[in-house]
Amino acid sequence: MVLLTKVCKKMNPGGIFLAPCAGTKSFNMKTKILSLAIVLFIVSISASAQKVHIGFKGGAAINKLTGKSFKDEFSFGYHLGGFVEIGLGKKFAIQPEILFSQTNVDTSSTFSNVYQFKQLDKVQLKYLSFPILLNIKPVKALTLQVGPQFGILTNKSNTLLQNGKEAFKSGDFSMLAGVQVNVGHLGIYGRYNVGLSNINDIDNQEKWKNQSIQLGLSFRL
């Protein structure tokens, strides 16, 4: 796999030098604003919540990218991170999370039609994701989860470039739903994450969207 860093060319009297793109600064600012908004949301909800628990989670991520450029099959990756469960009565809770995940996908023979820099068999993407879930507890041992998720592509310096433009967009918006079985402080969960954003940043001829099945364990402190 070819690893390249995104740069912009600028002119000075002595010639050409390389400098970070202005878009990178804009992306970093959006990331900071999003992080601050999530923190403020958690603090405001926690102030009126009945119970607040923190915990850790991790497990397998079975991923694929939709689109003709990628094989129509799932590949294994992983996810890990932490969460805060904010109780809203006996049956409901809000659960913000911070997850790091790795997506591995195999390209198809048509990938070179979109990305013409070099023929590649595999693509690896790493995301820092922020799900905000509504937990519904019909019984103590069972939790239903649903909510939105925003993902930030963290390996931007290693993403593929073509003609100075990144192949994959920096952000990804998705929805997820799942179920968790609770055994004391331990949770055994499975959920499905479907991407709503087109992450193809090369052209508009083909839409690339993330799909993921997450299976894992969580531990609530």
C-alpha atoms as a PDB file:
ATOM      1  CA  MET A   1       0.000   0.000   0.000  1.00  0.00           C
ATOM      2  CA  VAL A   2       1.322   3.448  -0.865  1.00  0.00           C
ATOM      3  CA  LEU A   3       1.281   5.872   2.050  1.00  0.00           C
ATOM      4  CA  LEU A   4       1.256   9.561   1.183  1.00  0.00           C
ATOM      5  CA  THR A   5       0.775  12.796   3.071  1.00  0.00           C
ATOM      6  CA  LYS A   6      -1.525  15.515   1.817  1.00  0.00           C
ATOM      7  CA  VAL A   7       0.294  18.817   1.160  1.00  0.00           C
ATOM      8  CA  CYS A   8      -0.317  21.981  -0.827  1.00  0.00           C
ATOM      9  CA  LYS A   9       2.179  23.782  -3.040  1.00  0.00           C
ATOM     10  CA  LYS A  10       2.912  27.439  -2.368  1.00  0.00           C
ATOM     11  CA  MET A  11       5.210  29.787  -4.275  1.00  0.00           C
ATOM     12  CA  ASN A  12       7.884  31.986  -2.791  1.00  0.00           C
ATOM     13  CA  PRO A  13      10.618  34.053  -4.496  1.00  0.00           C
ATOM     14  CA  GLY A  14      13.060  31.160  -4.203  1.00  0.00           C
ATOM     15  CA  GLY A  15      10.792  28.549  -5.733  1.00  0.00           C
ATOM     16  CA  ILE A  16       8.192  26.075  -4.510  1.00  0.00           C
ATOM     17  CA  PHE A  17       7.850  24.854  -0.964  1.00  0.00           C
ATOM     18  CA  LEU A  18       5.371  22.539   0.688  1.00  0.00           C
ATOM     19  CA  ALA A  19       2.955  23.597   3.427  1.00  0.00           C
ATOM     20  CA  PRO A  20      -0.116  22.138   5.141  1.00  0.00           C
ATOM     21  CA  CYS A  21      -3.384  22.639   3.299  1.00  0.00           C
ATOM     22  CA  ALA A  22      -5.831  25.208   4.662  1.00  0.00           C
ATOM     23  CA  GLY A  23      -8.473  22.473   4.697  1.00  0.00           C
ATOM     24  CA  THR A  24      -6.538  20.672   7.416  1.00  0.00           C
ATOM     25  CA  LYS A  25      -6.889  23.654   9.766  1.00  0.00           C
ATOM     26  CA  SER A  26     -10.606  23.836   9.019  1.00  0.00           C
ATOM     27  CA  PHE A  27     -10.986  20.120   9.727  1.00  0.00           C
ATOM     28  CA  ASN A  28      -9.112  20.418  13.040  1.00  0.00           C
ATOM     29  CA  MET A  29     -11.348  23.313  14.093  1.00  0.00           C
ATOM     30  CA  LYS A  30     -14.492  21.307  13.279  1.00  0.00           C
ATOM     31  CA  THR A  31     -13.120  18.406  15.328  1.00  0.00           C
ATOM     32  CA  LYS A  32     -12.528  20.659  18.348  1.00  0.00           C
ATOM     33  CA  ILE A  33     -16.017  22.173  18.083  1.00  0.00           C
ATOM     34  CA  LEU A  34     -17.591  18.716  17.857  1.00  0.00           C
ATOM     35  CA  SER A  35     -15.630  17.477  20.882  1.00  0.00           C
ATOM     36  CA  LEU A  36     -16.643  20.540  22.917  1.00  0.00           C
ATOM     37  CA  ALA A  37     -20.306  20.110  21.946  1.00  0.00           C
ATOM     38  CA  ILE A  38     -20.251  16.474  23.051  1.00  0.00           C
ATOM     39  CA  VAL A  39     -18.650  17.374  26.398  1.00  0.00           C
ATOM     40  CA  LEU A  40     -21.228  20.117  27.046  1.00  0.00           C
ATOM     41  CA  PHE A  41     -24.043  17.739  26.109  1.00  0.00           C
ATOM     42  CA  ILE A  42     -22.787  15.100  28.550  1.00  0.00           C
ATOM     43  CA  VAL A  43     -22.359  17.646  31.357  1.00  0.00           C
ATOM     44  CA  SER A  44     -25.856  19.106  30.884  1.00  0.00           C
ATOM     45  CA  ILE A  45     -27.508  15.677  30.839  1.00  0.00           C
ATOM     46  CA  SER A  46     -25.455  14.445  33.797  1.00  0.00           C
ATOM     47  CA  ALA A  47     -26.616  17.369  35.924  1.00  0.00           C
ATOM     48  CA  SER A  48     -30.212  16.112  35.832  1.00  0.00           C
ATOM     49  CA  ALA A  49     -29.499  12.389  35.598  1.00  0.00           C
ATOM     50  CA  GLN A  50     -30.360   9.914  38.334  1.00  0.00           C
ATOM     51  CA  LYS A  51     -27.372   7.595  37.812  1.00  0.00           C
ATOM     52  CA  VAL A  52     -24.115   7.972  35.908  1.00  0.00           C
ATOM     53  CA  HIS A  53     -21.799   5.050  35.127  1.00  0.00           C
ATOM     54  CA  ILE A  54     -18.591   4.916  33.130  1.00  0.00           C
ATOM     55  CA  GLY A  55     -17.111   1.869  31.471  1.00  0.00           C
ATOM     56  CA  PHE A  56     -14.910   0.350  28.812  1.00  0.00           C
ATOM     57  CA  LYS A  57     -15.689  -1.787  25.798  1.00  0.00           C
ATOM     58  CA  GLY A  58     -14.082  -3.525  22.870  1.00  0.00           C
ATOM     59  CA  GLY A  59     -14.332  -6.363  20.413  1.00  0.00           C
ATOM     60  CA  ALA A  60     -14.498  -7.322  16.760  1.00  0.00           C
ATOM     61  CA  ALA A  61     -15.581  -5.064  13.910  1.00  0.00           C
ATOM     62  CA  ILE A  62     -16.755  -6.858  10.783  1.00  0.00           C
ATOM     63  CA  ASN A  63     -16.652  -4.224   8.055  1.00  0.00           C
ATOM     64  CA  LYS A  64     -17.230  -3.585   4.392  1.00  0.00           C
ATOM     65  CA  LEU A  65     -17.453  -0.618   2.051  1.00  0.00           C
ATOM     66  CA  THR A  66     -20.329  -0.501  -0.403  1.00  0.00           C
ATOM     67  CA  GLY A  67     -19.572   0.460  -3.984  1.00  0.00           C
ATOM     68  CA  LYS A  68     -18.337  -1.244  -7.139  1.00  0.00           C
ATOM     69  CA  SER A  69     -14.721  -0.462  -6.229  1.00  0.00           C
ATOM     70  CA  PHE A  70     -14.794  -2.837  -3.254  1.00  0.00           C
ATOM     71  CA  LYS A  71     -15.554  -6.517  -2.906  1.00  0.00           C
ATOM     72  CA  ASP A  72     -19.044  -7.309  -1.631  1.00  0.00           C
ATOM     73  CA  GLU A  73     -17.790  -9.119   1.463  1.00  0.00           C
ATOM     74  CA  PHE A  74     -17.000  -8.386   5.092  1.00  0.00           C
ATOM     75  CA  SER A  75     -13.468  -8.166   6.541  1.00  0.00           C
ATOM     76  CA  PHE A  76     -12.382  -8.310  10.166  1.00  0.00           C
ATOM     77  CA  GLY A  77     -11.125  -5.353  12.174  1.00  0.00           C
ATOM     78  CA  TYR A  78     -11.500  -4.238  15.774  1.00  0.00           C
ATOM     79  CA  HIS A  79     -12.938  -1.495  17.974  1.00  0.00           C
ATOM     80  CA  LEU A  80     -12.238  -0.328  21.524  1.00  0.00           C
ATOM     81  CA  GLY A  81     -13.033   2.645  23.717  1.00  0.00           C
ATOM     82  CA  GLY A  82     -15.087   3.946  26.608  1.00  0.00           C
ATOM     83  CA  PHE A  83     -18.601   5.123  27.406  1.00  0.00           C
ATOM     84  CA  VAL A  84     -20.713   7.050  29.903  1.00  0.00           C
ATOM     85  CA  GLU A  85     -24.193   5.753  30.723  1.00  0.00           C
ATOM     86  CA  ILE A  86     -26.471   8.511  32.006  1.00  0.00           C
ATOM     87  CA  GLY A  87     -29.657   7.193  33.587  1.00  0.00           C
ATOM     88  CA  LEU A  88     -32.992   8.823  32.741  1.00  0.00           C
ATOM     89  CA  GLY A  89     -35.294   6.777  34.921  1.00  0.00           C
ATOM     90  CA  LYS A  90     -35.554   3.003  35.234  1.00  0.00           C
ATOM     91  CA  LYS A  91     -36.101   2.222  31.560  1.00  0.00           C
ATOM     92  CA  PHE A  92     -34.033   4.779  29.665  1.00  0.00           C
ATOM     93  CA  ALA A  93     -30.486   6.120  29.496  1.00  0.00           C
ATOM     94  CA  ILE A  94     -28.268   8.190  27.219  1.00  0.00           C
ATOM     95  CA  GLN A  95     -24.918   6.589  26.384  1.00  0.00           C
ATOM     96  CA  PRO A  96     -22.253   8.742  24.676  1.00  0.00           C
ATOM     97  CA  GLU A  97     -19.181   6.779  23.583  1.00  0.00           C
ATOM     98  CA  ILE A  98     -15.698   7.354  22.204  1.00  0.00           C
ATOM     99  CA  LEU A  99     -14.481   4.473  20.047  1.00  0.00           C
ATOM    100  CA  PHE A 100     -11.370   3.791  18.018  1.00  0.00           C
ATOM    101  CA  SER A 101     -11.928   1.366  15.156  1.00  0.00           C
ATOM    102  CA  GLN A 102      -9.966  -0.091  12.293  1.00  0.00           C
ATOM    103  CA  THR A 103     -11.609  -0.946   8.985  1.00  0.00           C
ATOM    104  CA  ASN A 104      -9.983  -3.347   6.523  1.00  0.00           C
ATOM    105  CA  VAL A 105     -11.503  -3.791   3.074  1.00  0.00           C
ATOM    106  CA  ASP A 106     -10.500  -5.541  -0.145  1.00  0.00           C
ATOM    107  CA  THR A 107     -10.699  -3.615  -3.401  1.00  0.00           C
ATOM    108  CA  SER A 108     -12.245  -5.015  -6.568  1.00  0.00           C
ATOM    109  CA  SER A 109     -10.861  -4.903 -10.094  1.00  0.00           C
ATOM    110  CA  THR A 110     -12.792  -1.684 -10.787  1.00  0.00           C
ATOM    111  CA  PHE A 111     -11.072   0.289  -8.001  1.00  0.00           C
ATOM    112  CA  SER A 112      -8.396   1.384 -10.485  1.00  0.00           C
ATOM    113  CA  ASN A 113     -11.102   3.064 -12.583  1.00  0.00           C
ATOM    114  CA  VAL A 114     -11.673   5.540  -9.742  1.00  0.00           C
ATOM    115  CA  TYR A 115      -8.235   5.592  -8.124  1.00  0.00           C
ATOM    116  CA  GLN A 116      -5.691   5.532 -10.947  1.00  0.00           C
ATOM    117  CA  PHE A 117      -2.507   6.238  -8.978  1.00  0.00           C
ATOM    118  CA  LYS A 118      -1.637   2.593  -8.290  1.00  0.00           C
ATOM    119  CA  GLN A 119      -3.365  -0.776  -8.188  1.00  0.00           C
ATOM    120  CA  LEU A 120      -4.102  -1.747  -4.574  1.00  0.00           C
ATOM    121  CA  ASP A 121      -5.598  -4.933  -3.182  1.00  0.00           C
ATOM    122  CA  LYS A 122      -6.426  -3.674   0.331  1.00  0.00           C
ATOM    123  CA  VAL A 123      -7.350  -0.409   2.014  1.00  0.00           C
ATOM    124  CA  GLN A 124      -7.150   0.265   5.763  1.00  0.00           C
ATOM    125  CA  LEU A 125      -9.063   3.101   7.441  1.00  0.00           C
ATOM    126  CA  LYS A 126      -8.889   4.112  11.108  1.00  0.00           C
ATOM    127  CA  TYR A 127     -11.706   6.098  12.705  1.00  0.00           C
ATOM    128  CA  LEU A 128     -12.314   7.897  15.983  1.00  0.00           C
ATOM    129  CA  SER A 129     -16.087   7.640  16.419  1.00  0.00           C
ATOM    130  CA  PHE A 130     -18.585   9.398  18.680  1.00  0.00           C
ATOM    131  CA  PRO A 131     -21.869   7.454  19.024  1.00  0.00           C
ATOM    132  CA  ILE A 132     -24.673   8.981  21.099  1.00  0.00           C
ATOM    133  CA  LEU A 133     -27.075   6.175  21.927  1.00  0.00           C
ATOM    134  CA  LEU A 134     -30.498   5.919  23.493  1.00  0.00           C
ATOM    135  CA  ASN A 135     -30.587   2.887  25.784  1.00  0.00           C
ATOM    136  CA  ILE A 136     -33.981   1.252  26.288  1.00  0.00           C
ATOM    137  CA  LYS A 137     -34.218  -1.362  29.047  1.00  0.00           C
ATOM    138  CA  PRO A 138     -37.433  -3.401  28.852  1.00  0.00           C
ATOM    139  CA  VAL A 139     -35.966  -5.721  31.508  1.00  0.00           C
ATOM    140  CA  LYS A 140     -32.854  -5.489  33.670  1.00  0.00           C
ATOM    141  CA  ALA A 141     -30.918  -8.088  31.703  1.00  0.00           C
ATOM    142  CA  LEU A 142     -31.587  -6.581  28.260  1.00  0.00           C
ATOM    143  CA  THR A 143     -30.710  -3.228  26.682  1.00  0.00           C
ATOM    144  CA  LEU A 144     -31.789  -2.030  23.239  1.00  0.00           C
ATOM    145  CA  GLN A 145     -29.591   0.655  21.686  1.00  0.00           C
ATOM    146  CA  VAL A 146     -30.152   3.089  18.824  1.00  0.00           C
ATOM    147  CA  GLY A 147     -28.601   6.388  17.815  1.00  0.00           C
ATOM    148  CA  PRO A 148     -26.366   8.416  15.487  1.00  0.00           C
ATOM    149  CA  GLN A 149     -22.603   8.237  15.171  1.00  0.00           C
ATOM    150  CA  PHE A 150     -20.041  10.649  13.745  1.00  0.00           C
ATOM    151  CA  GLY A 151     -16.666   9.245  12.721  1.00  0.00           C
ATOM    152  CA  ILE A 152     -13.412  11.121  12.097  1.00  0.00           C
ATOM    153  CA  LEU A 153     -10.777   9.560   9.847  1.00  0.00           C
ATOM    154  CA  THR A 154      -7.612   9.629  11.981  1.00  0.00           C
ATOM    155  CA  ASN A 155      -5.026   8.282   9.545  1.00  0.00           C
ATOM    156  CA  LYS A 156      -5.370  11.280   7.227  1.00  0.00           C
ATOM    157  CA  SER A 157      -1.614  11.395   6.662  1.00  0.00           C
ATOM    158  CA  ASN A 158      -1.764   7.814   5.409  1.00  0.00           C
ATOM    159  CA  THR A 159      -4.842   7.998   3.207  1.00  0.00           C
ATOM    160  CA  LEU A 160      -4.530   7.568  -0.514  1.00  0.00           C
ATOM    161  CA  LEU A 161      -4.020  10.582  -2.718  1.00  0.00           C
ATOM    162  CA  GLN A 162      -4.748  11.137  -6.376  1.00  0.00           C
ATOM    163  CA  ASN A 163      -3.740  14.385  -8.065  1.00  0.00           C
ATOM    164  CA  GLY A 164      -3.249  15.957  -4.629  1.00  0.00           C
ATOM    165  CA  LYS A 165      -6.744  15.055  -3.467  1.00  0.00           C
ATOM    166  CA  GLU A 166      -7.618  12.559  -0.764  1.00  0.00           C
ATOM    167  CA  ALA A 167      -9.499   9.453  -1.775  1.00  0.00           C
ATOM    168  CA  PHE A 168     -11.580   9.307   1.430  1.00  0.00           C
ATOM    169  CA  LYS A 169     -13.461  12.093   3.174  1.00  0.00           C
ATOM    170  CA  SER A 170     -12.478  13.104   6.694  1.00  0.00           C
ATOM    171  CA  GLY A 171     -15.910  12.619   8.268  1.00  0.00           C
ATOM    172  CA  ASP A 172     -18.515   9.873   8.224  1.00  0.00           C
ATOM    173  CA  PHE A 173     -22.073  10.055   9.587  1.00  0.00           C
ATOM    174  CA  SER A 174     -23.961   6.848  10.335  1.00  0.00           C
ATOM    175  CA  MET A 175     -26.785   5.293  12.341  1.00  0.00           C
ATOM    176  CA  LEU A 176     -26.507   2.221  14.503  1.00  0.00           C
ATOM    177  CA  ALA A 177     -28.800  -0.121  16.377  1.00  0.00           C
ATOM    178  CA  GLY A 178     -28.130  -3.129  18.550  1.00  0.00           C
ATOM    179  CA  VAL A 179     -28.845  -5.193  21.612  1.00  0.00           C
ATOM    180  CA  GLN A 180     -26.886  -5.891  24.783  1.00  0.00           C
ATOM    181  CA  VAL A 181     -27.279  -8.656  27.359  1.00  0.00           C
ATOM    182  CA  ASN A 182     -26.392  -7.485  30.877  1.00  0.00           C
ATOM    183  CA  VAL A 183     -24.814  -9.856  33.404  1.00  0.00           C
ATOM    184  CA  GLY A 184     -23.881  -7.834  36.469  1.00  0.00           C
ATOM    185  CA  HIS A 185     -21.295  -5.244  35.423  1.00  0.00           C
ATOM    186  CA  LEU A 186     -20.576  -7.141  32.203  1.00  0.00           C
ATOM    187  CA  GLY A 187     -22.349  -6.531  28.901  1.00  0.00           C
ATOM    188  CA  ILE A 188     -22.337  -8.738  25.810  1.00  0.00           C
ATOM    189  CA  TYR A 189     -23.426  -6.737  22.783  1.00  0.00           C
ATOM    190  CA  GLY A 190     -23.927  -6.817  19.060  1.00  0.00           C
ATOM    191  CA  ARG A 191     -24.928  -3.948  16.819  1.00  0.00           C
ATOM    192  CA  TYR A 192     -25.140  -2.931  13.196  1.00  0.00           C
ATOM    193  CA  ASN A 193     -23.749   0.347  11.901  1.00  0.00           C
ATOM    194  CA  VAL A 194     -24.851   1.653   8.505  1.00  0.00           C
ATOM    195  CA  GLY A 195     -23.112   4.637   6.929  1.00  0.00           C
ATOM    196  CA  LEU A 196     -25.258   7.447   5.537  1.00  0.00           C
ATOM    197  CA  SER A 197     -22.419   9.557   4.121  1.00  0.00           C
ATOM    198  CA  ASN A 198     -20.622   9.086   0.836  1.00  0.00           C
ATOM    199  CA  ILE A 199     -16.939   8.948   1.821  1.00  0.00           C
ATOM    200  CA  ASN A 200     -15.656   8.954  -1.783  1.00  0.00           C
ATOM    201  CA  ASP A 201     -13.695  12.214  -2.036  1.00  0.00           C
ATOM    202  CA  ILE A 202     -12.365  11.681  -5.567  1.00  0.00           C
ATOM    203  CA  ASP A 203     -15.518  12.063  -7.653  1.00  0.00           C
ATOM    204  CA  ASN A 204     -19.309  11.701  -7.552  1.00  0.00           C
ATOM    205  CA  GLN A 205     -19.534   8.822 -10.006  1.00  0.00           C
ATOM    206  CA  GLU A 206     -19.592   6.175  -7.293  1.00  0.00           C
ATOM    207  CA  LYS A 207     -20.785   6.269  -3.686  1.00  0.00           C
ATOM    208  CA  TRP A 208     -18.719   4.591  -0.957  1.00  0.00           C
ATOM    209  CA  LYS A 209     -20.449   3.940   2.360  1.00  0.00           C
ATOM    210  CA  ASN A 210     -19.294   2.174   5.513  1.00  0.00           C
ATOM    211  CA  GLN A 211     -21.112  -0.807   6.979  1.00  0.00           C
ATOM    212  CA  SER A 212     -20.055  -2.551  10.171  1.00  0.00           C
ATOM    213  CA  ILE A 213     -21.172  -5.292  12.534  1.00  0.00           C
ATOM    214  CA  GLN A 214     -19.729  -4.869  16.036  1.00  0.00           C
ATOM    215  CA  LEU A 215     -19.538  -7.756  18.492  1.00  0.00           C
ATOM    216  CA  GLY A 216     -17.938  -7.197  21.864  1.00  0.00           C
ATOM    217  CA  LEU A 217     -17.838  -7.005  25.634  1.00  0.00           C
ATOM    218  CA  SER A 218     -18.346  -3.998  27.886  1.00  0.00           C
ATOM    219  CA  PHE A 219     -17.536  -3.536  31.553  1.00  0.00           C
ATOM    220  CA  ARG A 220     -19.357  -0.928  33.636  1.00  0.00           C
ATOM    221  CA  LEU A 221     -17.538   0.432  36.683  1.00  0.00           C
END
